[in-house]
C-alpha cells in the first residue's frame, strides 16, 4: 500500500513540477495564474481535465476545448515523478529519508526539465539542492556520511569545472555551462566521493547514447548542444539508490 500511495503522490507532485518548469522564464509564476490552462487557447482546465496522467490519456493528448496537441513533456514529467516516488519508497529505510529523496528528486526533475527547454539551470534550484542534501546528510537522514557527501560536492564540482575549462581552452568555445558545475554541488553531495566515478560514468554514458540517437543523420553535429543536467540528475539519483550494486556488477 505504501508503494501505491507513493505512486499517486508522485503523480500529483509531477503535475506541480510541470507547472514550475513550464512557467520558468516567463512573466507567470507558480502561484499566478492559480489555475492550469491550455497555453494555446487559454482555456482554464477543469478538475477532470487536470488529473495527472489520466486526463492526458482520456483526452488522447489533446485539449478538449481547441483540440491542440498537449506537449508530451507534461505527462512524461508526471510519469517520471511517479516512478521516482515508488523507487524512493522502495529503497528508503525511514520515512524521513523518503521525504528527503522526494524533495531532492523534485528539484532534479524541475531543474532537468528547465535545462532541456532553455539550456539553463537556475541557481535557486542548484544551490538550495546542495544545501538540502548536505543538511540531510549531516542530520543522518540520508544513507551517506557527511564528510563523504561534502567531499563529493567539492571534488565533483571542481572536476566538472576543470573539464569545462580544458575544453574551452582547446576548442575556444564553451562546452559546458557553469550551471552544470553548480548542479554538481548537489549531485556530488548526494552520491559522495566514493561513488563519484560511477555517477559520472553513468551520466556520461546516458548522455552519449542520447546524443547519438538525437543527432543521427544530422549535419553540423560538432556545434550541436545537448543539455547535460538531466543526465547528471539521472546518474546521481540511480547511483544513490543502486551504487553498490552497480559497482558489484562492474566487478
C-alpha atoms as a PDB file:
ATOM      1  CA  UNK A   1       0.000   0.000   0.000  1.00  0.00           C
ATOM      2  CA  UNK A   2       2.841   2.405   0.734  1.00  0.00           C
ATOM      3  CA  UNK A   3       4.114   1.991  -2.845  1.00  0.00           C
ATOM      4  CA  UNK A   4       0.631   2.751  -4.191  1.00  0.00           C
ATOM      5  CA  UNK A   5       0.415   5.857  -2.029  1.00  0.00           C
ATOM      6  CA  UNK A   6       3.903   6.894  -3.132  1.00  0.00           C
ATOM      7  CA  UNK A   7       2.999   6.487  -6.813  1.00  0.00           C
ATOM      8  CA  UNK A   8      -0.190   8.570  -6.512  1.00  0.00           C
ATOM      9  CA  UNK A   9       1.627  11.235  -4.522  1.00  0.00           C
ATOM     10  CA  UNK A  10       4.388  11.259  -7.136  1.00  0.00           C
ATOM     11  CA  UNK A  11       1.832  11.822  -9.912  1.00  0.00           C
ATOM     12  CA  UNK A  12       0.330  14.783  -8.057  1.00  0.00           C
ATOM     13  CA  UNK A  13       3.760  16.292  -7.465  1.00  0.00           C
ATOM     14  CA  UNK A  14       4.643  15.679 -11.119  1.00  0.00           C
ATOM     15  CA  UNK A  15       1.737  17.878 -12.174  1.00  0.00           C
ATOM     16  CA  UNK A  16       3.119  20.636  -9.937  1.00  0.00           C
ATOM     17  CA  UNK A  17       6.634  20.131 -11.315  1.00  0.00           C
ATOM     18  CA  UNK A  18       5.388  20.593 -14.875  1.00  0.00           C
ATOM     19  CA  UNK A  19       3.840  23.920 -13.905  1.00  0.00           C
ATOM     20  CA  UNK A  20       7.106  25.065 -12.292  1.00  0.00           C
ATOM     21  CA  UNK A  21       9.157  24.075 -15.348  1.00  0.00           C
ATOM     22  CA  UNK A  22       6.777  25.430 -17.986  1.00  0.00           C
ATOM     23  CA  UNK A  23       6.406  28.840 -16.314  1.00  0.00           C
ATOM     24  CA  UNK A  24      10.108  29.379 -15.668  1.00  0.00           C
ATOM     25  CA  UNK A  25      11.478  32.285 -17.674  1.00  0.00           C
ATOM     26  CA  UNK A  26       8.016  33.733 -18.335  1.00  0.00           C
ATOM     27  CA  UNK A  27       6.074  36.523 -16.679  1.00  0.00           C
ATOM     28  CA  UNK A  28       3.937  33.912 -14.956  1.00  0.00           C
ATOM     29  CA  UNK A  29       4.717  32.412 -11.551  1.00  0.00           C
ATOM     30  CA  UNK A  30       3.850  29.138  -9.890  1.00  0.00           C
ATOM     31  CA  UNK A  31       1.033  30.841  -7.985  1.00  0.00           C
ATOM     32  CA  UNK A  32      -0.218  33.137 -10.754  1.00  0.00           C
ATOM     33  CA  UNK A  33      -2.311  32.242 -12.618  1.00  0.00           C
ATOM     34  CA  UNK A  34      -3.623  29.937  -9.924  1.00  0.00           C
ATOM     35  CA  UNK A  35      -5.427  27.578 -12.311  1.00  0.00           C
ATOM     36  CA  UNK A  36      -3.793  25.473 -15.005  1.00  0.00           C
ATOM     37  CA  UNK A  37      -4.753  26.392 -18.555  1.00  0.00           C
ATOM     38  CA  UNK A  38      -4.196  25.449 -22.184  1.00  0.00           C
ATOM     39  CA  UNK A  39      -1.228  27.529 -23.437  1.00  0.00           C
ATOM     40  CA  UNK A  40      -2.801  27.685 -26.920  1.00  0.00           C
ATOM     41  CA  UNK A  41      -6.372  28.865 -26.243  1.00  0.00           C
ATOM     42  CA  UNK A  42      -6.053  29.900 -22.543  1.00  0.00           C
ATOM     43  CA  UNK A  43      -8.930  27.601 -21.594  1.00  0.00           C
ATOM     44  CA  UNK A  44      -8.842  27.050 -17.821  1.00  0.00           C
ATOM     45  CA  UNK A  45      -8.703  23.347 -17.070  1.00  0.00           C
ATOM     46  CA  UNK A  46     -11.470  21.792 -15.023  1.00  0.00           C
ATOM     47  CA  UNK A  47     -10.732  19.301 -12.250  1.00  0.00           C
ATOM     48  CA  UNK A  48     -11.473  16.381 -14.577  1.00  0.00           C
ATOM     49  CA  UNK A  49      -9.157  17.838 -17.237  1.00  0.00           C
ATOM     50  CA  UNK A  50      -6.324  18.195 -14.742  1.00  0.00           C
ATOM     51  CA  UNK A  51      -5.992  14.681 -13.328  1.00  0.00           C
ATOM     52  CA  UNK A  52      -2.300  13.756 -13.588  1.00  0.00           C
ATOM     53  CA  UNK A  53      -1.548  11.388 -16.484  1.00  0.00           C
ATOM     54  CA  UNK A  54      -5.131  10.051 -16.588  1.00  0.00           C
ATOM     55  CA  UNK A  55      -6.577  13.197 -18.186  1.00  0.00           C
ATOM     56  CA  UNK A  56      -3.909  13.111 -20.901  1.00  0.00           C
ATOM     57  CA  UNK A  57      -4.827   9.510 -21.734  1.00  0.00           C
ATOM     58  CA  UNK A  58      -8.600  10.127 -21.701  1.00  0.00           C
ATOM     59  CA  UNK A  59      -8.239  13.264 -23.849  1.00  0.00           C
ATOM     60  CA  UNK A  60      -5.907  11.390 -26.217  1.00  0.00           C
ATOM     61  CA  UNK A  61      -3.236  14.033 -25.779  1.00  0.00           C
ATOM     62  CA  UNK A  62      -5.369  16.962 -26.968  1.00  0.00           C
ATOM     63  CA  UNK A  63      -7.036  19.976 -25.361  1.00  0.00           C
ATOM     64  CA  UNK A  64     -10.778  19.310 -25.218  1.00  0.00           C
ATOM     65  CA  UNK A  65     -11.556  22.953 -25.981  1.00  0.00           C
ATOM     66  CA  UNK A  66      -9.360  23.714 -29.023  1.00  0.00           C
ATOM     67  CA  UNK A  67      -8.074  20.203 -29.909  1.00  0.00           C
ATOM     68  CA  UNK A  68      -4.444  21.399 -29.876  1.00  0.00           C
ATOM     69  CA  UNK A  69      -1.956  18.678 -29.012  1.00  0.00           C
ATOM     70  CA  UNK A  70      -0.797  18.782 -25.379  1.00  0.00           C
ATOM     71  CA  UNK A  71       3.024  18.891 -25.139  1.00  0.00           C
ATOM     72  CA  UNK A  72       4.337  15.437 -24.302  1.00  0.00           C
ATOM     73  CA  UNK A  73       6.625  16.717 -21.566  1.00  0.00           C
ATOM     74  CA  UNK A  74       3.613  17.213 -19.226  1.00  0.00           C
ATOM     75  CA  UNK A  75       2.675  13.518 -18.886  1.00  0.00           C
ATOM     76  CA  UNK A  76       6.347  12.496 -19.054  1.00  0.00           C
ATOM     77  CA  UNK A  77       7.188  14.643 -16.020  1.00  0.00           C
ATOM     78  CA  UNK A  78       4.250  13.138 -14.135  1.00  0.00           C
ATOM     79  CA  UNK A  79       5.332   9.629 -15.089  1.00  0.00           C
ATOM     80  CA  UNK A  80       8.957  10.229 -14.088  1.00  0.00           C
ATOM     81  CA  UNK A  81       7.823  11.750 -10.791  1.00  0.00           C
ATOM     82  CA  UNK A  82       5.630   8.723 -10.099  1.00  0.00           C
ATOM     83  CA  UNK A  83       8.422   6.262 -10.855  1.00  0.00           C
ATOM     84  CA  UNK A  84      10.890   8.154  -8.677  1.00  0.00           C
ATOM     85  CA  UNK A  85       8.407   8.261  -5.779  1.00  0.00           C
ATOM     86  CA  UNK A  86       7.960   4.481  -5.991  1.00  0.00           C
ATOM     87  CA  UNK A  87      11.704   3.796  -6.272  1.00  0.00           C
ATOM     88  CA  UNK A  88      12.439   6.115  -3.362  1.00  0.00           C
ATOM     89  CA  UNK A  89       9.748   4.461  -1.224  1.00  0.00           C
ATOM     90  CA  UNK A  90      11.068   1.002  -2.106  1.00  0.00           C
ATOM     91  CA  UNK A  91      14.650   1.857  -1.145  1.00  0.00           C
ATOM     92  CA  UNK A  92      14.245   4.348   1.709  1.00  0.00           C
ATOM     93  CA  UNK A  93      14.931   2.952   5.169  1.00  0.00           C
ATOM     94  CA  UNK A  94      12.938   5.600   7.058  1.00  0.00           C
ATOM     95  CA  UNK A  95      10.006   7.941   6.293  1.00  0.00           C
ATOM     96  CA  UNK A  96      12.337  10.918   6.747  1.00  0.00           C
ATOM     97  CA  UNK A  97      14.701   9.549   4.108  1.00  0.00           C
ATOM     98  CA  UNK A  98      11.800   9.102   1.701  1.00  0.00           C
ATOM     99  CA  UNK A  99      10.675  12.695   2.260  1.00  0.00           C
ATOM    100  CA  UNK A 100      14.229  13.937   1.689  1.00  0.00           C
ATOM    101  CA  UNK A 101      14.515  11.880  -1.506  1.00  0.00           C
ATOM    102  CA  UNK A 102      11.192  13.244  -2.748  1.00  0.00           C
ATOM    103  CA  UNK A 103      12.426  16.808  -2.270  1.00  0.00           C
ATOM    104  CA  UNK A 104      15.769  16.035  -3.907  1.00  0.00           C
ATOM    105  CA  UNK A 105      14.104  14.186  -6.781  1.00  0.00           C
ATOM    106  CA  UNK A 106      11.650  17.034  -7.283  1.00  0.00           C
ATOM    107  CA  UNK A 107      14.470  19.558  -7.583  1.00  0.00           C
ATOM    108  CA  UNK A 108      16.230  17.275 -10.084  1.00  0.00           C
ATOM    109  CA  UNK A 109      13.085  16.824 -12.194  1.00  0.00           C
ATOM    110  CA  UNK A 110      12.268  20.534 -12.361  1.00  0.00           C
ATOM    111  CA  UNK A 111      15.887  21.558 -12.986  1.00  0.00           C
ATOM    112  CA  UNK A 112      16.312  18.898 -15.692  1.00  0.00           C
ATOM    113  CA  UNK A 113      13.123  19.936 -17.484  1.00  0.00           C
ATOM    114  CA  UNK A 114      14.146  23.602 -17.426  1.00  0.00           C
ATOM    115  CA  UNK A 115      17.578  22.619 -18.748  1.00  0.00           C
ATOM    116  CA  UNK A 116      16.015  20.650 -21.602  1.00  0.00           C
ATOM    117  CA  UNK A 117      13.787  23.601 -22.516  1.00  0.00           C
ATOM    118  CA  UNK A 118      16.157  26.535 -22.007  1.00  0.00           C
ATOM    119  CA  UNK A 119      19.714  25.176 -21.514  1.00  0.00           C
ATOM    120  CA  UNK A 120      19.692  26.855 -18.096  1.00  0.00           C
ATOM    121  CA  UNK A 121      19.942  25.501 -14.563  1.00  0.00           C
ATOM    122  CA  UNK A 122      18.527  28.063 -12.098  1.00  0.00           C
ATOM    123  CA  UNK A 123      20.737  28.940  -9.122  1.00  0.00           C
ATOM    124  CA  UNK A 124      17.731  28.819  -6.818  1.00  0.00           C
ATOM    125  CA  UNK A 125      17.451  25.086  -7.531  1.00  0.00           C
ATOM    126  CA  UNK A 126      21.123  24.090  -7.700  1.00  0.00           C
ATOM    127  CA  UNK A 127      22.263  25.955  -4.586  1.00  0.00           C
ATOM    128  CA  UNK A 128      19.204  25.123  -2.484  1.00  0.00           C
ATOM    129  CA  UNK A 129      19.506  21.498  -3.580  1.00  0.00           C
ATOM    130  CA  UNK A 130      23.118  21.363  -2.397  1.00  0.00           C
ATOM    131  CA  UNK A 131      22.151  22.834   0.979  1.00  0.00           C
ATOM    132  CA  UNK A 132      19.298  20.344   1.374  1.00  0.00           C
ATOM    133  CA  UNK A 133      21.450  17.317   0.515  1.00  0.00           C
ATOM    134  CA  UNK A 134      24.322  18.368   2.763  1.00  0.00           C
ATOM    135  CA  UNK A 135      21.908  19.222   5.570  1.00  0.00           C
ATOM    136  CA  UNK A 136      20.117  15.880   5.286  1.00  0.00           C
ATOM    137  CA  UNK A 137      23.455  14.083   5.216  1.00  0.00           C
ATOM    138  CA  UNK A 138      24.689  15.959   8.296  1.00  0.00           C
ATOM    139  CA  UNK A 139      21.444  15.129  10.125  1.00  0.00           C
ATOM    140  CA  UNK A 140      21.843  11.422   9.310  1.00  0.00           C
ATOM    141  CA  UNK A 141      18.672  11.315   7.214  1.00  0.00           C
ATOM    142  CA  UNK A 142      20.409  10.132   4.045  1.00  0.00           C
ATOM    143  CA  UNK A 143      22.444   6.949   3.775  1.00  0.00           C
ATOM    144  CA  UNK A 144      25.722   8.776   3.255  1.00  0.00           C
ATOM    145  CA  UNK A 145      28.414  10.019   5.598  1.00  0.00           C
ATOM    146  CA  UNK A 146      28.567  13.820   5.808  1.00  0.00           C
ATOM    147  CA  UNK A 147      32.311  14.039   5.066  1.00  0.00           C
ATOM    148  CA  UNK A 148      31.858  11.759   2.046  1.00  0.00           C
ATOM    149  CA  UNK A 149      28.980  13.980   0.941  1.00  0.00           C
ATOM    150  CA  UNK A 150      30.954  17.194   1.400  1.00  0.00           C
ATOM    151  CA  UNK A 151      33.957  15.817  -0.491  1.00  0.00           C
ATOM    152  CA  UNK A 152      31.688  14.557  -3.251  1.00  0.00           C
ATOM    153  CA  UNK A 153      30.226  18.042  -3.696  1.00  0.00           C
ATOM    154  CA  UNK A 154      33.594  19.823  -3.743  1.00  0.00           C
ATOM    155  CA  UNK A 155      35.553  17.336  -5.835  1.00  0.00           C
ATOM    156  CA  UNK A 156      32.679  16.683  -8.217  1.00  0.00           C
ATOM    157  CA  UNK A 157      32.079  20.371  -8.918  1.00  0.00           C
ATOM    158  CA  UNK A 158      35.799  21.050  -9.322  1.00  0.00           C
ATOM    159  CA  UNK A 159      36.226  18.084 -11.696  1.00  0.00           C
ATOM    160  CA  UNK A 160      33.381  19.262 -13.899  1.00  0.00           C
ATOM    161  CA  UNK A 161      34.691  22.831 -13.868  1.00  0.00           C
ATOM    162  CA  UNK A 162      38.161  21.575 -14.853  1.00  0.00           C
ATOM    163  CA  UNK A 163      36.745  19.581 -17.790  1.00  0.00           C
ATOM    164  CA  UNK A 164      34.809  22.632 -18.985  1.00  0.00           C
ATOM    165  CA  UNK A 165      37.882  24.873 -18.638  1.00  0.00           C
ATOM    166  CA  UNK A 166      40.132  22.486 -20.591  1.00  0.00           C
ATOM    167  CA  UNK A 167      37.505  22.079 -23.322  1.00  0.00           C
ATOM    168  CA  UNK A 168      37.199  25.851 -23.697  1.00  0.00           C
ATOM    169  CA  UNK A 169      40.972  26.204 -23.769  1.00  0.00           C
ATOM    170  CA  UNK A 170      41.271  23.663 -26.586  1.00  0.00           C
ATOM    171  CA  UNK A 171      38.139  24.383 -28.637  1.00  0.00           C
ATOM    172  CA  UNK A 172      37.803  28.132 -27.822  1.00  0.00           C
ATOM    173  CA  UNK A 173      34.083  27.642 -27.134  1.00  0.00           C
ATOM    174  CA  UNK A 174      32.043  26.777 -24.067  1.00  0.00           C
ATOM    175  CA  UNK A 175      31.359  23.065 -23.918  1.00  0.00           C
ATOM    176  CA  UNK A 176      29.589  23.123 -20.575  1.00  0.00           C
ATOM    177  CA  UNK A 177      27.812  25.849 -18.645  1.00  0.00           C
ATOM    178  CA  UNK A 178      28.534  26.841 -15.060  1.00  0.00           C
ATOM    179  CA  UNK A 179      25.007  25.708 -14.228  1.00  0.00           C
ATOM    180  CA  UNK A 180      26.169  22.104 -14.580  1.00  0.00           C
ATOM    181  CA  UNK A 181      29.066  22.807 -12.203  1.00  0.00           C
ATOM    182  CA  UNK A 182      26.682  24.301  -9.631  1.00  0.00           C
ATOM    183  CA  UNK A 183      24.302  21.350 -10.100  1.00  0.00           C
ATOM    184  CA  UNK A 184      27.240  19.080  -9.382  1.00  0.00           C
ATOM    185  CA  UNK A 185      27.498  20.527  -5.867  1.00  0.00           C
ATOM    186  CA  UNK A 186      24.121  18.989  -5.105  1.00  0.00           C
ATOM    187  CA  UNK A 187      24.561  15.754  -7.030  1.00  0.00           C
ATOM    188  CA  UNK A 188      28.125  15.084  -5.893  1.00  0.00           C
ATOM    189  CA  UNK A 189      26.934  15.572  -2.317  1.00  0.00           C
ATOM    190  CA  UNK A 190      24.167  13.022  -2.945  1.00  0.00           C
ATOM    191  CA  UNK A 191      26.460  10.285  -4.242  1.00  0.00           C
ATOM    192  CA  UNK A 192      29.518  11.066  -2.134  1.00  0.00           C
ATOM    193  CA  UNK A 193      33.129  10.954  -3.235  1.00  0.00           C
ATOM    194  CA  UNK A 194      33.211   7.143  -3.013  1.00  0.00           C
ATOM    195  CA  UNK A 195      30.616   6.720  -5.767  1.00  0.00           C
ATOM    196  CA  UNK A 196      31.554   9.832  -7.735  1.00  0.00           C
ATOM    197  CA  UNK A 197      33.235   7.904 -10.559  1.00  0.00           C
ATOM    198  CA  UNK A 198      30.264   5.569 -11.011  1.00  0.00           C
ATOM    199  CA  UNK A 199      27.881   8.512 -11.015  1.00  0.00           C
ATOM    200  CA  UNK A 200      29.812  10.464 -13.663  1.00  0.00           C
ATOM    201  CA  UNK A 201      30.261   7.325 -15.774  1.00  0.00           C
ATOM    202  CA  UNK A 202      26.527   6.588 -15.701  1.00  0.00           C
ATOM    203  CA  UNK A 203      25.646  10.185 -16.587  1.00  0.00           C
ATOM    204  CA  UNK A 204      28.204  10.320 -19.427  1.00  0.00           C
ATOM    205  CA  UNK A 205      27.107   7.017 -20.970  1.00  0.00           C
ATOM    206  CA  UNK A 206      23.442   8.064 -20.915  1.00  0.00           C
ATOM    207  CA  UNK A 207      24.300  11.460 -22.432  1.00  0.00           C
ATOM    208  CA  UNK A 208      26.380   9.799 -25.151  1.00  0.00           C
ATOM    209  CA  UNK A 209      23.631   7.351 -26.094  1.00  0.00           C
ATOM    210  CA  UNK A 210      21.048  10.152 -26.175  1.00  0.00           C
ATOM    211  CA  UNK A 211      23.330  12.335 -28.319  1.00  0.00           C
ATOM    212  CA  UNK A 212      23.943   9.578 -30.849  1.00  0.00           C
ATOM    213  CA  UNK A 213      20.216   8.881 -31.199  1.00  0.00           C
ATOM    214  CA  UNK A 214      19.174  12.553 -31.267  1.00  0.00           C
ATOM    215  CA  UNK A 215      21.798  13.587 -33.820  1.00  0.00           C
ATOM    216  CA  UNK A 216      21.626  10.559 -36.078  1.00  0.00           C
ATOM    217  CA  UNK A 217      21.730  11.710 -39.705  1.00  0.00           C
ATOM    218  CA  UNK A 218      22.010  15.397 -38.822  1.00  0.00           C
ATOM    219  CA  UNK A 219      24.660  17.758 -40.162  1.00  0.00           C
ATOM    220  CA  UNK A 220      26.915  20.087 -38.180  1.00  0.00           C
ATOM    221  CA  UNK A 221      26.734  17.914 -35.062  1.00  0.00           C
ATOM    222  CA  UNK A 222      30.041  19.388 -33.887  1.00  0.00           C
ATOM    223  CA  UNK A 223      28.226  22.596 -32.937  1.00  0.00           C
ATOM    224  CA  UNK A 224      25.073  20.964 -31.579  1.00  0.00           C
ATOM    225  CA  UNK A 225      24.302  21.359 -27.883  1.00  0.00           C
ATOM    226  CA  UNK A 226      22.927  18.698 -25.557  1.00  0.00           C
ATOM    227  CA  UNK A 227      21.887  19.695 -22.024  1.00  0.00           C
ATOM    228  CA  UNK A 228      23.911  17.662 -19.529  1.00  0.00           C
ATOM    229  CA  UNK A 229      21.795  18.444 -16.462  1.00  0.00           C
ATOM    230  CA  UNK A 230      19.153  15.725 -16.953  1.00  0.00           C
ATOM    231  CA  UNK A 231      21.823  13.041 -17.350  1.00  0.00           C
ATOM    232  CA  UNK A 232      23.712  14.255 -14.295  1.00  0.00           C
ATOM    233  CA  UNK A 233      20.485  14.107 -12.303  1.00  0.00           C
ATOM    234  CA  UNK A 234      19.599  10.615 -13.553  1.00  0.00           C
ATOM    235  CA  UNK A 235      23.094   9.300 -12.878  1.00  0.00           C
ATOM    236  CA  UNK A 236      23.179  10.736  -9.354  1.00  0.00           C
ATOM    237  CA  UNK A 237      19.723   9.500  -8.332  1.00  0.00           C
ATOM    238  CA  UNK A 238      20.338   5.986  -9.636  1.00  0.00           C
ATOM    239  CA  UNK A 239      23.813   5.904  -8.065  1.00  0.00           C
ATOM    240  CA  UNK A 240      22.405   6.904  -4.678  1.00  0.00           C
ATOM    241  CA  UNK A 241      19.903   4.050  -4.795  1.00  0.00           C
ATOM    242  CA  UNK A 242      21.977   1.367  -6.506  1.00  0.00           C
ATOM    243  CA  UNK A 243      25.602   2.499  -6.404  1.00  0.00           C
ATOM    244  CA  UNK A 244      26.848  -0.566  -4.516  1.00  0.00           C
ATOM    245  CA  UNK A 245      25.014  -2.930  -6.866  1.00  0.00           C
ATOM    246  CA  UNK A 246      26.464  -1.158  -9.915  1.00  0.00           C
ATOM    247  CA  UNK A 247      29.994  -1.479  -8.521  1.00  0.00           C
ATOM    248  CA  UNK A 248      29.416  -5.176  -7.772  1.00  0.00           C
ATOM    249  CA  UNK A 249      28.089  -5.740 -11.307  1.00  0.00           C
ATOM    250  CA  UNK A 250      31.069  -3.976 -12.906  1.00  0.00           C
ATOM    251  CA  UNK A 251      33.493  -6.074 -10.889  1.00  0.00           C
END
